Protein backbone atom coordinates (compact mmCIF):
# COMPACT_ATOMS: atom_id res chain seq x y z
CA MET A 1 -0.07 -0.12 -0.28
CA THR A 2 1.48 3.32 -0.51
CA VAL A 3 -0.52 5.57 1.61
CA SER A 4 -1.07 4.06 5.15
CA LYS A 5 -1.66 6.01 8.97
CA CYS A 6 0.99 6.37 11.41
CA GLU A 7 0.86 4.05 13.98
CA ILE A 8 3.24 6.42 16.29
CA CYS A 9 0.96 9.56 16.03
CA ASP A 10 -1.60 6.80 16.38
CA ASP A 11 -0.60 5.17 19.75
CA GLU A 12 0.03 9.55 20.75
CA GLU A 13 -3.42 10.74 19.75
CA GLU A 14 -6.23 8.64 20.48
CA ASP A 15 -8.94 9.60 18.20
CA VAL A 16 -12.47 7.46 17.45
CA GLU A 17 -12.46 9.52 13.46
CA ARG A 18 -9.11 8.87 13.25
CA ASP A 19 -9.43 5.24 10.52
CA VAL A 20 -12.64 7.43 9.35
CA ILE A 21 -10.57 10.35 7.84
CA TYR A 22 -7.19 8.17 7.13
CA GLU A 23 -9.48 6.03 5.15
CA LYS A 24 -11.07 9.12 3.45
CA LEU A 25 -7.95 10.57 3.02
CA GLU A 26 -7.07 6.73 0.71
CA ILE A 27 -9.38 8.03 -1.06
CA VAL A 28 -8.35 11.24 -1.79
CA ILE A 29 -4.84 10.47 -2.91
CA CYS A 30 -6.13 8.10 -5.04
CA ASN A 31 -8.73 9.31 -7.12
CA ILE A 32 -7.92 13.18 -7.28
CA LEU A 33 -6.07 12.66 -10.13
CA PRO A 34 -6.53 10.26 -13.22
CA GLN A 35 -3.36 8.40 -11.70
CA ALA A 36 -1.97 7.98 -7.80
CA ILE A 37 -0.59 11.62 -6.92
CA LEU A 38 2.09 9.35 -4.85
CA PRO A 39 5.09 7.18 -6.34
CA ALA A 40 3.43 3.29 -5.76
CA GLU A 41 6.97 2.19 -5.21
CA TYR A 42 7.26 4.17 -1.88
CA HIS A 43 5.37 3.97 1.26
CA HIS A 44 4.06 6.72 3.00
CA GLU A 45 3.10 7.14 6.66
CA VAL A 46 0.35 9.76 7.37
CA CYS A 47 1.14 11.42 10.47
CA LYS A 48 -1.80 14.82 9.54
CA HIS A 49 -4.42 15.88 6.97
CA GLU A 50 -6.44 18.27 6.84
CA HIS A 51 -8.75 18.92 3.90
CA ILE A 52 -8.83 22.44 2.90
CA ASP A 53 -12.17 21.83 0.32
CA GLU A 54 -13.82 19.10 -1.29
CA VAL A 55 -10.16 18.63 -4.06
CA ASN A 56 -7.50 20.40 -2.20
CA TYR A 57 -5.76 19.12 0.98
CA THR A 58 -2.89 19.72 3.00
CA CYS A 59 -1.11 16.66 4.87
CA PHE A 60 2.35 15.36 6.72
CA LEU A 61 4.09 12.66 5.32
CA ARG A 62 6.81 10.55 6.72
CA LEU A 63 8.87 7.81 4.58
CA LYS A 64 11.74 5.42 5.40
CA LEU A 65 15.24 7.74 3.28
CA THR A 66 18.30 8.11 4.71
CA THR A 67 20.09 10.01 2.05
CA GLU A 68 19.67 13.20 -0.07
CA GLU A 69 20.16 10.69 -3.28
CA ASP A 70 17.24 9.47 -1.90
CA VAL A 71 15.17 12.01 -1.82
CA GLN A 72 15.80 13.47 -5.05
CA LYS A 73 14.76 10.15 -6.87
CA TRP A 74 11.60 9.83 -4.67
CA LEU A 75 11.17 13.60 -5.78
CA GLU A 76 11.73 12.67 -9.27
CA ALA A 77 9.25 9.80 -8.61
CA PHE A 78 6.40 11.94 -7.29
CA GLN A 79 6.70 14.80 -9.92
CA ARG A 80 6.37 11.26 -12.54
CA SER A 81 3.19 9.78 -10.42
CA SER A 82 1.29 13.34 -9.69
CA SER A 83 2.04 14.86 -13.10
CA LEU A 84 2.95 18.02 -11.07
CA THR A 85 6.88 19.95 -11.63
CA TRP A 86 7.84 21.50 -8.52
CA ARG A 87 10.49 24.47 -8.00
CA LYS A 88 12.62 25.45 -5.34
CA SER A 89 11.79 28.81 -3.14
CA LYS A 90 14.29 28.09 -0.48
CA THR A 91 17.46 25.82 0.50
CA TYR A 92 19.18 25.47 3.72
CA PRO A 93 22.50 24.96 3.10
CA ASN A 94 23.20 24.52 6.74
CA SER A 95 20.37 22.15 7.86
CA GLY A 96 21.16 22.46 11.46
CA ARG A 97 21.83 20.39 14.19
CA TYR A 98 19.20 17.53 13.28
CA ASN A 99 18.63 18.05 9.73
CA THR A 100 20.96 17.23 7.10
CA TYR A 101 18.98 18.38 4.02
CA ARG A 102 15.67 20.81 3.61
CA VAL A 103 14.56 22.36 0.63
CA ASP A 104 10.99 24.62 0.13
CA MET A 105 9.84 24.16 -2.61
CA ARG A 106 6.53 25.54 -5.23
CA CYS A 107 4.36 24.99 -7.77
CA GLN A 108 5.70 25.92 -11.20
CA HIS A 109 2.65 27.73 -11.98
CA ASN A 110 4.31 30.00 -9.67
CA THR A 111 6.95 31.65 -11.46
CA ARG A 112 7.34 34.59 -9.33
CA SER A 113 7.84 36.34 -12.44
CA SER A 114 6.76 40.09 -14.11
CA LYS A 115 3.53 40.35 -16.13
CA PRO A 116 3.88 38.82 -19.51
CA LYS A 117 4.63 40.34 -22.73
CA PRO A 118 1.10 41.31 -24.98
CA GLY A 119 0.78 38.49 -27.27
CA LYS A 120 2.56 35.86 -25.05
CA GLY A 121 1.30 33.71 -22.58
CA THR A 122 2.46 32.25 -19.80
CA LYS A 123 2.17 29.31 -17.43
CA ASN A 124 2.04 31.81 -14.16
CA THR A 125 -1.30 31.24 -11.77
CA GLY A 126 0.26 32.48 -8.89
CA CYS A 127 -0.45 28.85 -7.57
CA PRO A 128 -0.46 28.56 -3.47
CA ALA A 129 1.05 25.07 -3.59
CA THR A 130 3.88 24.44 -1.27
CA MET A 131 6.38 21.39 -0.47
CA ASN A 132 8.82 21.25 2.33
CA LEU A 133 10.97 18.65 2.49
CA VAL A 134 13.65 17.66 5.40
CA LEU A 135 15.37 14.66 6.26
CA LYS A 136 16.34 14.18 9.60
CA ARG A 137 19.84 13.35 10.49
CA SER A 138 20.41 9.52 11.70
CA ILE A 139 22.43 9.33 15.15
CA THR A 140 23.15 6.20 16.08
CA ASN A 141 23.12 5.60 20.19
CA SER A 142 20.94 9.25 20.03
CA LYS A 143 18.83 10.30 22.94
CA THR A 144 16.34 11.77 20.98
CA GLN A 145 12.39 11.83 21.88
CA ASP A 146 11.29 11.41 18.39
CA GLN A 147 9.81 7.76 17.90
CA HIS A 148 9.76 8.68 14.38
CA VAL A 149 13.29 8.91 13.94
CA LYS A 150 14.13 5.84 16.71
CA HIS A 151 11.73 3.86 13.79
CA GLY A 152 13.76 5.12 11.15
CA LEU A 153 10.99 7.53 9.36
CA LEU A 154 14.06 10.00 8.53
CA PHE A 155 12.15 11.77 5.69
CA ASN A 156 9.59 14.54 6.41
CA VAL A 157 7.02 15.67 3.75
CA ARG A 158 4.76 18.66 4.44
CA LEU A 159 2.58 18.99 1.44
CA LYS A 160 -0.27 21.73 0.57
CA ASN A 161 -1.62 20.20 -2.01
CA GLU A 162 -3.83 23.69 -3.63
CA HIS A 163 -3.70 24.27 -6.90
CA ASN A 164 -5.72 26.70 -8.86
CA HIS A 165 -4.85 25.44 -12.08
CA ARG A 166 -5.47 21.75 -14.54
CA ILE A 167 -2.98 19.41 -13.48
CA THR A 168 -3.20 16.77 -16.50
CA CYS A 169 -4.38 19.49 -19.61
CA ALA A 170 -2.66 19.08 -22.11
CA ASP A 171 -0.84 23.20 -21.31
CA ALA A 172 -0.38 21.79 -18.57
CA LEU A 173 1.97 19.04 -19.41
CA ARG A 174 3.75 20.65 -22.09
CA ARG A 175 5.63 22.71 -19.74
CA ARG A 176 6.54 20.52 -17.68
CA ASP A 177 10.25 19.79 -17.43
CA VAL A 178 11.89 16.74 -18.76
CA SER A 179 12.88 14.33 -17.20
CA GLU A 180 16.28 12.77 -16.16
CA ASP A 181 15.39 9.30 -17.32
CA SER A 182 14.31 11.11 -20.95
CA ILE A 183 17.49 12.96 -20.72
CA ALA A 184 20.01 9.91 -20.24
CA LYS A 185 18.23 8.57 -23.33
CA LEU A 186 19.00 11.61 -25.74
CA ARG A 187 22.77 11.80 -24.59
CA ASP A 188 23.16 7.88 -24.56
CA LEU A 189 21.38 8.32 -28.87
CA PHE A 190 23.75 11.22 -29.72
CA GLU A 191 26.76 9.13 -28.73
CA HIS A 192 25.54 6.52 -30.86
CA GLY A 193 25.13 8.84 -34.06
CA HIS A 194 21.66 10.36 -33.99
CA SER A 195 20.73 13.64 -34.82
CA PRO A 196 18.17 15.21 -32.38
CA SER A 197 15.00 14.38 -34.78
CA SER A 198 16.48 11.00 -35.32
CA ALA A 199 16.69 11.17 -31.70
CA LEU A 200 13.62 11.87 -30.69
CA GLU A 201 11.14 9.41 -33.05
CA THR A 202 13.12 6.94 -31.20
CA ILE A 203 12.28 8.02 -27.54
CA LYS A 204 8.41 8.31 -29.10
CA HIS A 205 8.89 4.69 -30.76
CA ASP A 206 9.79 3.25 -27.76
CA LEU A 207 7.14 5.04 -25.75
CA ALA A 208 4.39 4.06 -28.39
CA GLU A 209 5.48 0.49 -27.91
CA GLU A 210 5.78 0.43 -24.09
CA HIS A 211 2.35 2.37 -23.35
CA GLY A 212 0.12 0.88 -26.36
CA GLU A 213 -3.31 2.48 -26.58
CA GLN A 214 -1.92 5.20 -23.72
CA TYR A 215 0.94 6.74 -25.83
CA VAL A 216 -1.10 9.47 -27.16
CA TYR A 217 -1.15 10.33 -23.71
CA VAL A 218 2.34 10.11 -22.70
CA CYS A 219 3.42 11.93 -25.57
CA ALA A 220 1.64 14.78 -24.65
CA ASP A 221 3.82 14.96 -21.37
CA ARG A 222 7.28 16.69 -21.95
CA PHE A 223 8.06 14.64 -18.99
CA MET A 224 8.47 11.31 -20.66
CA CYS A 225 8.66 12.80 -24.41
CA PRO A 226 10.77 16.09 -24.84
CA ASP A 227 9.92 18.63 -27.17
CA LEU A 228 12.31 19.23 -30.54
CA GLN A 229 13.44 22.24 -29.46
CA PHE A 230 14.81 20.72 -26.27
CA CYS A 231 16.26 18.11 -28.09
CA TYR A 232 18.21 20.92 -30.28
CA ARG A 233 19.75 22.68 -26.71
CA SER A 234 20.38 19.23 -25.52
CA TYR A 235 22.57 18.29 -28.66
CA TYR A 236 24.37 20.96 -28.89
CA LYS A 237 25.50 22.15 -25.42
CA THR A 238 26.56 18.42 -25.12
CA PHE A 239 27.61 16.88 -28.10
CA GLN A 240 29.35 20.83 -30.38
CA LYS A 241 31.71 21.29 -27.71
CA VAL A 242 33.00 17.46 -28.10
CA TYR A 243 32.42 17.09 -32.04
CA GLY A 244 32.41 20.71 -33.07
CA ALA A 245 30.27 21.90 -35.42
CA SER A 246 28.17 19.09 -37.49
CA SER A 247 27.63 21.33 -41.17
CA GLY A 248 27.84 25.00 -42.54
CA GLU A 249 30.07 27.51 -42.06
CA LEU A 250 30.92 26.79 -38.87
CA MET A 251 31.86 23.06 -39.80
CA TYR A 252 34.26 25.17 -41.87
CA VAL A 253 36.04 26.94 -39.01
CA ASP A 254 36.10 23.86 -36.89
CA LEU A 255 37.63 22.17 -39.73
CA GLU A 256 40.67 24.92 -40.03
CA LYS A 257 41.23 24.99 -36.12
CA ARG A 258 41.75 21.14 -36.47
CA VAL A 259 43.86 21.36 -39.32
CA LEU A 260 46.05 24.26 -37.60
CA TYR A 261 45.89 22.21 -34.29
CA MET A 262 47.40 18.92 -36.18
CA ARG A 263 50.49 21.16 -37.15
């Protein structure tokens, strides 16, 4: 099960309606989006939950993660399963005596940018959704009274799921960040001689084979399927520095430099 109530909190605070609340929470989390909002490969223990309205809610989750790398993998999986993209709003280089990692995040639809130029759209809706991630220190023989830390629940997630925009519409999906997996696939294809356009077609072909009838929805999600402009940027940023220009006047300039170097 992806979600369960925290037994530690349940022991500390008795409530006859608590089971009903958690049952409703599981229904909300599993049905608020077309797919589960939380990644199924992780187990989340819910310490607190509060409805904002029929759709939105706040909750406090704990997981048994131990390193910052684990946290980044969870965040990647969460963005994949929820179709949401988050940006850092505040970092804490010195996380404190009891934390090893801490960051505050905001929905990507809260860009804090100025007003858009006339005739140009914007993804900024001033979305109030936020998420706070904290990884506690694991200290051997610690005298801490926090039972969650003692039981290995070191990773805390405070989620304010209050979005003021549609999440799975085409306009929102095409603005998502390209996933690290997709970027890695692009780099591998470039290394094997693909151009930006042929690399993108290969990724689309693989997605079509993997997702079948759902491909039409997957290919509209930039997280899974990068756009051609991103493929070109990735190609030139990564490989032009290594292999030089591929055609045109720049190719001759690059060739001349190589000849002079060989002399």
